[in-house]
PDB file of N, CA and C in Angstrom:
ATOM      1  N   MET A   1    -228.362 -80.583 -94.504  1.00  0.00           N
ATOM      2  CA  MET A   1    -228.106 -81.412 -93.342  1.00  0.00           C
ATOM      3  C   MET A   1    -227.916 -80.507 -92.165  1.00  0.00           C
ATOM      4  N   ALA A   2    -228.575 -80.808 -91.048  1.00  0.00           N
ATOM      5  CA  ALA A   2    -228.455 -79.987 -89.839  1.00  0.00           C
ATOM      6  C   ALA A   2    -227.094 -80.237 -89.191  1.00  0.00           C
ATOM      7  N   LYS A   3    -226.516 -79.183 -88.617  1.00  0.00           N
ATOM      8  CA  LYS A   3    -225.241 -79.331 -87.934  1.00  0.00           C
ATOM      9  C   LYS A   3    -225.483 -80.115 -86.627  1.00  0.00           C
ATOM     10  N   GLN A   4    -224.568 -80.975 -86.327  1.00  0.00           N
ATOM     11  CA  GLN A   4    -224.636 -81.762 -85.123  1.00  0.00           C
ATOM     12  C   GLN A   4    -223.321 -81.638 -84.364  1.00  0.00           C
ATOM     13  N   LEU A   5    -223.404 -81.421 -83.082  1.00  0.00           N
ATOM     14  CA  LEU A   5    -222.204 -81.256 -82.268  1.00  0.00           C
ATOM     15  C   LEU A   5    -221.813 -82.620 -81.730  1.00  0.00           C
ATOM     16  N   LEU A   6    -220.644 -83.101 -82.108  1.00  0.00           N
ATOM     17  CA  LEU A   6    -220.093 -84.342 -81.555  1.00  0.00           C
ATOM     18  C   LEU A   6    -218.815 -83.968 -80.827  1.00  0.00           C
ATOM     19  N   SER A   7    -218.633 -84.563 -79.686  1.00  0.00           N
ATOM     20  CA  SER A   7    -217.427 -84.241 -78.921  1.00  0.00           C
ATOM     21  C   SER A   7    -216.691 -85.474 -78.525  1.00  0.00           C
ATOM     22  N   GLY A   8    -215.400 -85.324 -78.336  1.00  0.00           N
ATOM     23  CA  GLY A   8    -214.533 -86.426 -77.878  1.00  0.00           C
ATOM     24  C   GLY A   8    -213.727 -85.978 -76.692  1.00  0.00           C
ATOM     25  N   LYS A   9    -212.968 -86.863 -76.153  1.00  0.00           N
ATOM     26  CA  LYS A   9    -212.163 -86.545 -74.947  1.00  0.00           C
ATOM     27  C   LYS A   9    -210.685 -86.661 -75.281  1.00  0.00           C
ATOM     28  N   LEU A  10    -209.903 -85.646 -74.918  1.00  0.00           N
ATOM     29  CA  LEU A  10    -208.461 -85.613 -75.102  1.00  0.00           C
ATOM     30  C   LEU A  10    -207.797 -86.108 -73.818  1.00  0.00           C
ATOM     31  N   THR A  11    -206.887 -87.101 -73.964  1.00  0.00           N
ATOM     32  CA  THR A  11    -206.189 -87.640 -72.806  1.00  0.00           C
ATOM     33  C   THR A  11    -204.910 -86.834 -72.531  1.00  0.00           C
ATOM     34  N   SER A  12    -204.279 -87.116 -71.403  1.00  0.00           N
ATOM     35  CA  SER A  12    -203.049 -86.427 -71.042  1.00  0.00           C
ATOM     36  C   SER A  12    -201.927 -86.731 -72.037  1.00  0.00           C
ATOM     37  N   LYS A  13    -202.059 -87.816 -72.763  1.00  0.00           N
ATOM     38  CA  LYS A  13    -201.055 -88.191 -73.786  1.00  0.00           C
ATOM     39  C   LYS A  13    -201.342 -87.601 -75.148  1.00  0.00           C
ATOM     40  N   GLY A  14    -202.408 -86.775 -75.224  1.00  0.00           N
ATOM     41  CA  GLY A  14    -202.744 -86.131 -76.489  1.00  0.00           C
ATOM     42  C   GLY A  14    -203.592 -87.020 -77.426  1.00  0.00           C
ATOM     43  N   GLN A  15    -204.095 -88.125 -76.885  1.00  0.00           N
ATOM     44  CA  GLN A  15    -204.932 -88.995 -77.679  1.00  0.00           C
ATOM     45  C   GLN A  15    -206.365 -88.535 -77.641  1.00  0.00           C
ATOM     46  N   LEU A  16    -207.058 -88.595 -78.755  1.00  0.00           N
ATOM     47  CA  LEU A  16    -208.439 -88.136 -78.795  1.00  0.00           C
ATOM     48  C   LEU A  16    -209.369 -89.299 -79.026  1.00  0.00           C
ATOM     49  N   THR A  17    -210.409 -89.410 -78.201  1.00  0.00           N
ATOM     50  CA  THR A  17    -211.435 -90.411 -78.406  1.00  0.00           C
ATOM     51  C   THR A  17    -212.482 -89.807 -79.349  1.00  0.00           C
ATOM     52  N   ILE A  18    -212.674 -90.480 -80.458  1.00  0.00           N
ATOM     53  CA  ILE A  18    -213.614 -89.991 -81.469  1.00  0.00           C
ATOM     54  C   ILE A  18    -214.937 -90.782 -81.276  1.00  0.00           C
ATOM     55  N   PRO A  19    -216.040 -90.077 -81.182  1.00  0.00           N
ATOM     56  CA  PRO A  19    -217.324 -90.735 -80.960  1.00  0.00           C
ATOM     57  C   PRO A  19    -217.637 -91.770 -82.084  1.00  0.00           C
ATOM     58  N   VAL A  20    -218.295 -92.844 -81.697  1.00  0.00           N
ATOM     59  CA  VAL A  20    -218.574 -93.905 -82.646  1.00  0.00           C
ATOM     60  C   VAL A  20    -219.397 -93.420 -83.843  1.00  0.00           C
ATOM     61  N   GLU A  21    -220.286 -92.448 -83.625  1.00  0.00           N
ATOM     62  CA  GLU A  21    -221.084 -91.932 -84.750  1.00  0.00           C
ATOM     63  C   GLU A  21    -220.169 -91.289 -85.791  1.00  0.00           C
ATOM     64  N   LEU A  22    -219.177 -90.571 -85.354  1.00  0.00           N
ATOM     65  CA  LEU A  22    -218.247 -89.912 -86.276  1.00  0.00           C
ATOM     66  C   LEU A  22    -217.335 -90.941 -86.965  1.00  0.00           C
ATOM     67  N   ARG A  23    -216.899 -91.942 -86.189  1.00  0.00           N
ATOM     68  CA  ARG A  23    -216.042 -92.947 -86.777  1.00  0.00           C
ATOM     69  C   ARG A  23    -216.800 -93.714 -87.871  1.00  0.00           C
ATOM     70  N   THR A  24    -218.073 -93.974 -87.607  1.00  0.00           N
ATOM     71  CA  THR A  24    -218.920 -94.635 -88.607  1.00  0.00           C
ATOM     72  C   THR A  24    -219.130 -93.794 -89.824  1.00  0.00           C
ATOM     73  N   LEU A  25    -219.437 -92.507 -89.580  1.00  0.00           N
ATOM     74  CA  LEU A  25    -219.649 -91.563 -90.674  1.00  0.00           C
ATOM     75  C   LEU A  25    -218.447 -91.426 -91.571  1.00  0.00           C
ATOM     76  N   LEU A  26    -217.269 -91.316 -90.961  1.00  0.00           N
ATOM     77  CA  LEU A  26    -216.016 -91.152 -91.726  1.00  0.00           C
ATOM     78  C   LEU A  26    -215.388 -92.479 -92.156  1.00  0.00           C
ATOM     79  N   ASN A  27    -216.033 -93.571 -91.691  1.00  0.00           N
ATOM     80  CA  ASN A  27    -215.521 -94.934 -92.025  1.00  0.00           C
ATOM     81  C   ASN A  27    -214.065 -95.090 -91.625  1.00  0.00           C
ATOM     82  N   ILE A  28    -213.771 -94.712 -90.361  1.00  0.00           N
ATOM     83  CA  ILE A  28    -212.403 -94.852 -89.880  1.00  0.00           C
ATOM     84  C   ILE A  28    -212.346 -95.975 -88.858  1.00  0.00           C
ATOM     85  N   LYS A  29    -211.242 -96.674 -88.874  1.00  0.00           N
ATOM     86  CA  LYS A  29    -211.015 -97.836 -88.000  1.00  0.00           C
ATOM     87  C   LYS A  29    -209.793 -97.626 -87.167  1.00  0.00           C
ATOM     88  N   GLU A  30    -209.596 -98.511 -86.189  1.00  0.00           N
ATOM     89  CA  GLU A  30    -208.397 -98.436 -85.351  1.00  0.00           C
ATOM     90  C   GLU A  30    -207.146 -98.431 -86.186  1.00  0.00           C
ATOM     91  N   GLY A  31    -206.230 -97.548 -85.876  1.00  0.00           N
ATOM     92  CA  GLY A  31    -204.963 -97.457 -86.617  1.00  0.00           C
ATOM     93  C   GLY A  31    -205.000 -96.512 -87.805  1.00  0.00           C
ATOM     94  N   ASP A  32    -206.205 -96.068 -88.202  1.00  0.00           N
ATOM     95  CA  ASP A  32    -206.309 -95.122 -89.314  1.00  0.00           C
ATOM     96  C   ASP A  32    -205.738 -93.768 -88.870  1.00  0.00           C
ATOM     97  N   ARG A  33    -205.239 -93.027 -89.803  1.00  0.00           N
ATOM     98  CA  ARG A  33    -204.710 -91.686 -89.548  1.00  0.00           C
ATOM     99  C   ARG A  33    -205.705 -90.672 -90.065  1.00  0.00           C
ATOM    100  N   LEU A  34    -205.679 -89.497 -89.428  1.00  0.00           N
ATOM    101  CA  LEU A  34    -206.544 -88.407 -89.827  1.00  0.00           C
ATOM    102  C   LEU A  34    -205.738 -87.172 -90.172  1.00  0.00           C
ATOM    103  N   ALA A  35    -206.164 -86.437 -91.192  1.00  0.00           N
ATOM    104  CA  ALA A  35    -205.534 -85.188 -91.560  1.00  0.00           C
ATOM    105  C   ALA A  35    -206.489 -84.073 -91.137  1.00  0.00           C
ATOM    106  N   PHE A  36    -205.942 -83.082 -90.400  1.00  0.00           N
ATOM    107  CA  PHE A  36    -206.735 -81.934 -89.969  1.00  0.00           C
ATOM    108  C   PHE A  36    -206.378 -80.738 -90.860  1.00  0.00           C
ATOM    109  N   VAL A  37    -207.359 -80.227 -91.593  1.00  0.00           N
ATOM    110  CA  VAL A  37    -207.164 -79.123 -92.505  1.00  0.00           C
ATOM    111  C   VAL A  37    -207.489 -77.828 -91.757  1.00  0.00           C
ATOM    112  N   LEU A  38    -206.551 -76.907 -91.724  1.00  0.00           N
ATOM    113  CA  LEU A  38    -206.723 -75.651 -90.977  1.00  0.00           C
ATOM    114  C   LEU A  38    -206.908 -74.494 -91.968  1.00  0.00           C
ATOM    115  N   ASP A  39    -207.655 -73.472 -91.499  1.00  0.00           N
ATOM    116  CA  ASP A  39    -207.770 -72.280 -92.325  1.00  0.00           C
ATOM    117  C   ASP A  39    -206.653 -71.303 -91.909  1.00  0.00           C
ATOM    118  N   GLU A  40    -206.664 -70.090 -92.506  1.00  0.00           N
ATOM    119  CA  GLU A  40    -205.605 -69.123 -92.201  1.00  0.00           C
ATOM    120  C   GLU A  40    -205.564 -68.648 -90.768  1.00  0.00           C
ATOM    121  N   ASN A  41    -206.659 -68.843 -90.011  1.00  0.00           N
ATOM    122  CA  ASN A  41    -206.707 -68.489 -88.586  1.00  0.00           C
ATOM    123  C   ASN A  41    -206.425 -69.690 -87.697  1.00  0.00           C
ATOM    124  N   GLU A  42    -205.885 -70.746 -88.286  1.00  0.00           N
ATOM    125  CA  GLU A  42    -205.519 -71.977 -87.580  1.00  0.00           C
ATOM    126  C   GLU A  42    -206.708 -72.661 -86.914  1.00  0.00           C
ATOM    127  N   ARG A  43    -207.867 -72.518 -87.549  1.00  0.00           N
ATOM    128  CA  ARG A  43    -209.061 -73.256 -87.077  1.00  0.00           C
ATOM    129  C   ARG A  43    -209.250 -74.463 -87.963  1.00  0.00           C
ATOM    130  N   ILE A  44    -209.680 -75.553 -87.329  1.00  0.00           N
ATOM    131  CA  ILE A  44    -209.911 -76.759 -88.118  1.00  0.00           C
ATOM    132  C   ILE A  44    -211.176 -76.572 -88.962  1.00  0.00           C
ATOM    133  N   ILE A  45    -211.034 -76.754 -90.266  1.00  0.00           N
ATOM    134  CA  ILE A  45    -212.177 -76.599 -91.141  1.00  0.00           C
ATOM    135  C   ILE A  45    -212.577 -77.956 -91.738  1.00  0.00           C
ATOM    136  N   GLU A  46    -211.701 -78.926 -91.623  1.00  0.00           N
ATOM    137  CA  GLU A  46    -212.003 -80.220 -92.211  1.00  0.00           C
ATOM    138  C   GLU A  46    -211.156 -81.342 -91.567  1.00  0.00           C
ATOM    139  N   VAL A  47    -211.690 -82.496 -91.435  1.00  0.00           N
ATOM    140  CA  VAL A  47    -210.931 -83.677 -90.977  1.00  0.00           C
ATOM    141  C   VAL A  47    -211.123 -84.705 -92.057  1.00  0.00           C
ATOM    142  N   GLN A  48    -209.980 -85.213 -92.525  1.00  0.00           N
ATOM    143  CA  GLN A  48    -210.003 -86.189 -93.637  1.00  0.00           C
ATOM    144  C   GLN A  48    -209.295 -87.466 -93.212  1.00  0.00           C
ATOM    145  N   PRO A  49    -209.940 -88.614 -93.406  1.00  0.00           N
ATOM    146  CA  PRO A  49    -209.204 -89.871 -93.179  1.00  0.00           C
ATOM    147  C   PRO A  49    -208.084 -89.940 -94.204  1.00  0.00           C
ATOM    148  N   LYS A  50    -206.895 -90.335 -93.760  1.00  0.00           N
ATOM    149  CA  LYS A  50    -205.780 -90.515 -94.710  1.00  0.00           C
ATOM    150  C   LYS A  50    -205.729 -91.950 -95.124  1.00  0.00           C
ATOM    151  N   THR A  51    -205.609 -92.166 -96.398  1.00  0.00           N
ATOM    152  CA  THR A  51    -205.582 -93.538 -96.867  1.00  0.00           C
ATOM    153  C   THR A  51    -204.242 -94.182 -96.546  1.00  0.00           C
ATOM    154  N   LYS A  52    -204.338 -95.432 -96.193  1.00  0.00           N
ATOM    155  CA  LYS A  52    -203.132 -96.208 -95.909  1.00  0.00           C
ATOM    156  C   LYS A  52    -202.537 -96.636 -97.225  1.00  0.00           C
ATOM    157  N   LYS A  53    -201.237 -96.636 -97.268  1.00  0.00           N
ATOM    158  CA  LYS A  53    -200.553 -97.094 -98.467  1.00  0.00           C
ATOM    159  C   LYS A  53    -199.856 -98.412 -98.105  1.00  0.00           C
ATOM    160  N   SER A  54    -200.212 -99.436 -98.819  1.00  0.00           N
ATOM    161  CA  SER A  54    -199.581-100.707 -98.623  1.00  0.00           C
ATOM    162  C   SER A  54    -198.194-100.712 -99.303  1.00  0.00           C
ATOM    163  N   ILE A  55    -197.372-101.607 -98.928  1.00  0.00           N
ATOM    164  CA  ILE A  55    -196.057-101.693 -99.547  1.00  0.00           C
ATOM    165  C   ILE A  55    -196.196-101.996-101.056  1.00  0.00           C
ATOM    166  N   ARG A  56    -197.214-102.759-101.392  1.00  0.00           N
ATOM    167  CA  ARG A  56    -197.446-103.053-102.800  1.00  0.00           C
ATOM    168  C   ARG A  56    -197.879-101.800-103.564  1.00  0.00           C
ATOM    169  N   GLY A  57    -198.580-100.893-102.854  1.00  0.00           N
ATOM    170  CA  GLY A  57    -199.007 -99.649-103.510  1.00  0.00           C
ATOM    171  C   GLY A  57    -197.906 -98.667-103.819  1.00  0.00           C
ATOM    172  N   VAL A  58    -196.778 -98.776-103.127  1.00  0.00           N
ATOM    173  CA  VAL A  58    -195.684 -97.873-103.339  1.00  0.00           C
ATOM    174  C   VAL A  58    -194.493 -98.525-104.059  1.00  0.00           C
ATOM    175  N   MET A  59    -194.605 -99.815-104.325  1.00  0.00           N
ATOM    176  CA  MET A  59    -193.493-100.480-105.024  1.00  0.00           C
ATOM    177  C   MET A  59    -193.287 -99.832-106.381  1.00  0.00           C
ATOM    178  N   GLY A  60    -192.060 -99.599-106.730  1.00  0.00           N
ATOM    179  CA  GLY A  60    -191.756 -99.025-108.009  1.00  0.00           C
ATOM    180  C   GLY A  60    -191.756 -97.517-108.070  1.00  0.00           C
ATOM    181  N   VAL A  61    -192.096 -96.884-106.935  1.00  0.00           N
ATOM    182  CA  VAL A  61    -192.099 -95.403-106.908  1.00  0.00           C
ATOM    183  C   VAL A  61    -190.721 -94.840-107.061  1.00  0.00           C
ATOM    184  N   LEU A  62    -189.765 -95.438-106.344  1.00  0.00           N
ATOM    185  CA  LEU A  62    -188.388 -95.015-106.409  1.00  0.00           C
ATOM    186  C   LEU A  62    -187.670 -95.906-107.460  1.00  0.00           C
ATOM    187  N   LYS A  63    -187.152 -95.307-108.454  1.00  0.00           N
ATOM    188  CA  LYS A  63    -186.494 -96.025-109.520  1.00  0.00           C
ATOM    189  C   LYS A  63    -184.993 -96.087-109.254  1.00  0.00           C
ATOM    190  N   SER A  64    -184.432 -97.248-109.421  1.00  0.00           N
ATOM    191  CA  SER A  64    -183.006 -97.428-109.216  1.00  0.00           C
ATOM    192  C   SER A  64    -182.293 -96.988-110.504  1.00  0.00           C
ATOM    193  N   THR A  65    -181.103 -96.397-110.336  1.00  0.00           N
ATOM    194  CA  THR A  65    -180.314 -96.002-111.475  1.00  0.00           C
ATOM    195  C   THR A  65    -179.437 -97.170-111.943  1.00  0.00           C
ATOM    196  N   ILE A  66    -179.308 -98.218-111.096  1.00  0.00           N
ATOM    197  CA  ILE A  66    -178.514 -99.374-111.467  1.00  0.00           C
ATOM    198  C   ILE A  66    -179.398-100.611-111.312  1.00  0.00           C
ATOM    199  N   ASN A  67    -179.036-101.650-112.002  1.00  0.00           N
ATOM    200  CA  ASN A  67    -179.773-102.913-111.890  1.00  0.00           C
ATOM    201  C   ASN A  67    -179.072-103.752-110.842  1.00  0.00           C
ATOM    202  N   VAL A  68    -179.799-104.071-109.736  1.00  0.00           N
ATOM    203  CA  VAL A  68    -179.211-104.813-108.640  1.00  0.00           C
ATOM    204  C   VAL A  68    -180.033-106.085-108.413  1.00  0.00           C
ATOM    205  N   ASP A  69    -179.298-107.190-108.295  1.00  0.00           N
ATOM    206  CA  ASP A  69    -179.961-108.453-107.978  1.00  0.00           C
ATOM    207  C   ASP A  69    -180.373-108.448-106.499  1.00  0.00           C
ATOM    208  N   ALA A  70    -181.587-108.837-106.205  1.00  0.00           N
ATOM    209  CA  ALA A  70    -182.116-108.780-104.838  1.00  0.00           C
ATOM    210  C   ALA A  70    -181.263-109.621-103.879  1.00  0.00           C
ATOM    211  N   ASP A  71    -180.853-110.832-104.311  1.00  0.00           N
ATOM    212  CA  ASP A  71    -180.024-111.681-103.440  1.00  0.00           C
ATOM    213  C   ASP A  71    -178.687-111.033-103.126  1.00  0.00           C
ATOM    214  N   GLU A  72    -178.096-110.374-104.131  1.00  0.00           N
ATOM    215  CA  GLU A  72    -176.822-109.674-103.914  1.00  0.00           C
ATOM    216  C   GLU A  72    -177.003-108.513-102.931  1.00  0.00           C
ATOM    217  N   ALA A  73    -178.106-107.787-103.094  1.00  0.00           N
ATOM    218  CA  ALA A  73    -178.399-106.651-102.193  1.00  0.00           C
ATOM    219  C   ALA A  73    -178.577-107.159-100.752  1.00  0.00           C
ATOM    220  N   ILE A  74    -179.243-108.275-100.564  1.00  0.00           N
ATOM    221  CA  ILE A  74    -179.445-108.833 -99.232  1.00  0.00           C
ATOM    222  C   ILE A  74    -178.110-109.245 -98.632  1.00  0.00           C
ATOM    223  N   ASP A  75    -177.284-109.921 -99.423  1.00  0.00           N
ATOM    224  CA  ASP A  75    -175.973-110.340 -98.965  1.00  0.00           C
ATOM    225  C   ASP A  75    -175.113-109.146 -98.587  1.00  0.00           C
ATOM    226  N   LEU A  76    -175.156-108.084 -99.379  1.00  0.00           N
ATOM    227  CA  LEU A  76    -174.414-106.877 -99.095  1.00  0.00           C
ATOM    228  C   LEU A  76    -174.870-106.230 -97.789  1.00  0.00           C
ATOM    229  N   ALA A  77    -176.188-106.159 -97.621  1.00  0.00           N
ATOM    230  CA  ALA A  77    -176.750-105.571 -96.394  1.00  0.00           C
ATOM    231  C   ALA A  77    -176.349-106.367 -95.176  1.00  0.00           C
ATOM    232  N   ARG A  78    -176.359-107.685 -95.305  1.00  0.00           N
ATOM    233  CA  ARG A  78    -175.921-108.539 -94.173  1.00  0.00           C
ATOM    234  C   ARG A  78    -174.451-108.336 -93.846  1.00  0.00           C
ATOM    235  N   ALA A  79    -173.641-108.244 -94.860  1.00  0.00           N
ATOM    236  CA  ALA A  79    -172.189-107.995 -94.632  1.00  0.00           C
ATOM    237  C   ALA A  79    -171.951-106.651 -93.961  1.00  0.00           C
ATOM    238  N   GLU A  80    -172.679-105.598 -94.416  1.00  0.00           N
ATOM    239  CA  GLU A  80    -172.526-104.298 -93.783  1.00  0.00           C
ATOM    240  C   GLU A  80    -172.945-104.322 -92.325  1.00  0.00           C
ATOM    241  N   ARG A  81    -174.052-105.005 -92.049  1.00  0.00           N
ATOM    242  CA  ARG A  81    -174.551-105.116 -90.667  1.00  0.00           C
ATOM    243  C   ARG A  81    -173.551-105.870 -89.793  1.00  0.00           C
ATOM    244  N   ALA A  82    -172.949-106.940 -90.379  1.00  0.00           N
ATOM    245  CA  ALA A  82    -171.959-107.692 -89.591  1.00  0.00           C
ATOM    246  C   ALA A  82    -170.762-106.845 -89.284  1.00  0.00           C
ATOM    247  N   LYS A  83    -170.337-105.986 -90.202  1.00  0.00           N
ATOM    248  CA  LYS A  83    -169.212-105.068 -89.963  1.00  0.00           C
ATOM    249  C   LYS A  83    -169.553-104.112 -88.806  1.00  0.00           C
ATOM    250  N   GLU A  84    -170.780-103.596 -88.820  1.00  0.00           N
ATOM    251  CA  GLU A  84    -171.218-102.658 -87.752  1.00  0.00           C
ATOM    252  C   GLU A  84    -171.175-103.351 -86.369  1.00  0.00           C
ATOM    253  N   ILE A  85    -171.704-104.574 -86.340  1.00  0.00           N
ATOM    254  CA  ILE A  85    -171.742-105.308 -85.075  1.00  0.00           C
ATOM    255  C   ILE A  85    -170.321-105.604 -84.580  1.00  0.00           C
ATOM    256  N   LEU A  86    -169.447-105.999 -85.539  1.00  0.00           N
ATOM    257  CA  LEU A  86    -168.050-106.300 -85.161  1.00  0.00           C
ATOM    258  C   LEU A  86    -167.371-105.037 -84.647  1.00  0.00           C
ATOM    259  N   ALA A  87    -167.590-103.877 -85.287  1.00  0.00           N
ATOM    260  CA  ALA A  87    -166.974-102.630 -84.865  1.00  0.00           C
ATOM    261  C   ALA A  87    -167.453-102.276 -83.435  1.00  0.00           C
ATOM    262  N   ARG A  88    -168.742-102.419 -83.183  1.00  0.00           N
ATOM    263  CA  ARG A  88    -169.246-102.121 -81.824  1.00  0.00           C
ATOM    264  C   ARG A  88    -168.678-103.079 -80.790  1.00  0.00           C
ATOM    265  N   SER A  89    -168.529-104.316 -81.174  1.00  0.00           N
ATOM    266  CA  SER A  89    -167.962-105.289 -80.277  1.00  0.00           C
ATOM    267  C   SER A  89    -166.511-104.946 -79.923  1.00  0.00           C
ATOM    268  N   LYS A  90    -165.739-104.516 -80.931  1.00  0.00           N
ATOM    269  CA  LYS A  90    -164.365-104.097 -80.646  1.00  0.00           C
ATOM    270  C   LYS A  90    -164.321-102.875 -79.759  1.00  0.00           C
ATOM    271  N   GLU A  91    -165.243-101.912 -79.962  1.00  0.00           N
ATOM    272  CA  GLU A  91    -165.298-100.759 -79.147  1.00  0.00           C
ATOM    273  C   GLU A  91    -165.570-101.072 -77.686  1.00  0.00           C
ATOM    274  N   SER A  92    -166.528-101.995 -77.452  1.00  0.00           N
ATOM    275  CA  SER A  92    -166.850-102.348 -76.076  1.00  0.00           C
ATOM    276  C   SER A  92    -165.709-103.126 -75.422  1.00  0.00           C
ATOM    277  N   ASN A  93    -164.956-103.898 -76.207  1.00  0.00           N
ATOM    278  CA  ASN A  93    -163.821-104.617 -75.639  1.00  0.00           C
ATOM    279  C   ASN A  93    -162.669-103.691 -75.285  1.00  0.00           C
ATOM    280  N   ASP A  94    -162.556-102.566 -76.016  1.00  0.00           N
ATOM    281  CA  ASP A  94    -161.505-101.602 -75.775  1.00  0.00           C
ATOM    282  C   ASP A  94    -161.761-100.800 -74.491  1.00  0.00           C
ATOM    283  N   GLU A  95    -163.003-100.720 -74.067  1.00  0.00           N
ATOM    284  CA  GLU A  95    -163.362 -99.961 -72.862  1.00  0.00           C
ATOM    285  C   GLU A  95    -163.087-100.664 -71.645  1.00  0.00           C
TER     286      GLU A  95
END
């Protein structure tokens, strides 16, 4: 395959516009992430689309050491959040 030079434009915010030919070739869409592989001289030698992981794809990765009921966990989280809000409210009233 012949080498082809494709270029994009870097904005002041560090965003890079990737040419449509390259997006099509790499099958990347809006919101996709890219990994830039560097060699020992810090030159880019490869660009790889990073696969998105859905929440379903990572469920079960972290194993709990205790068995917790989901409803109990939600209630506990709500109670902790209510305590935080109450504490902040008291702090602002003290000022």
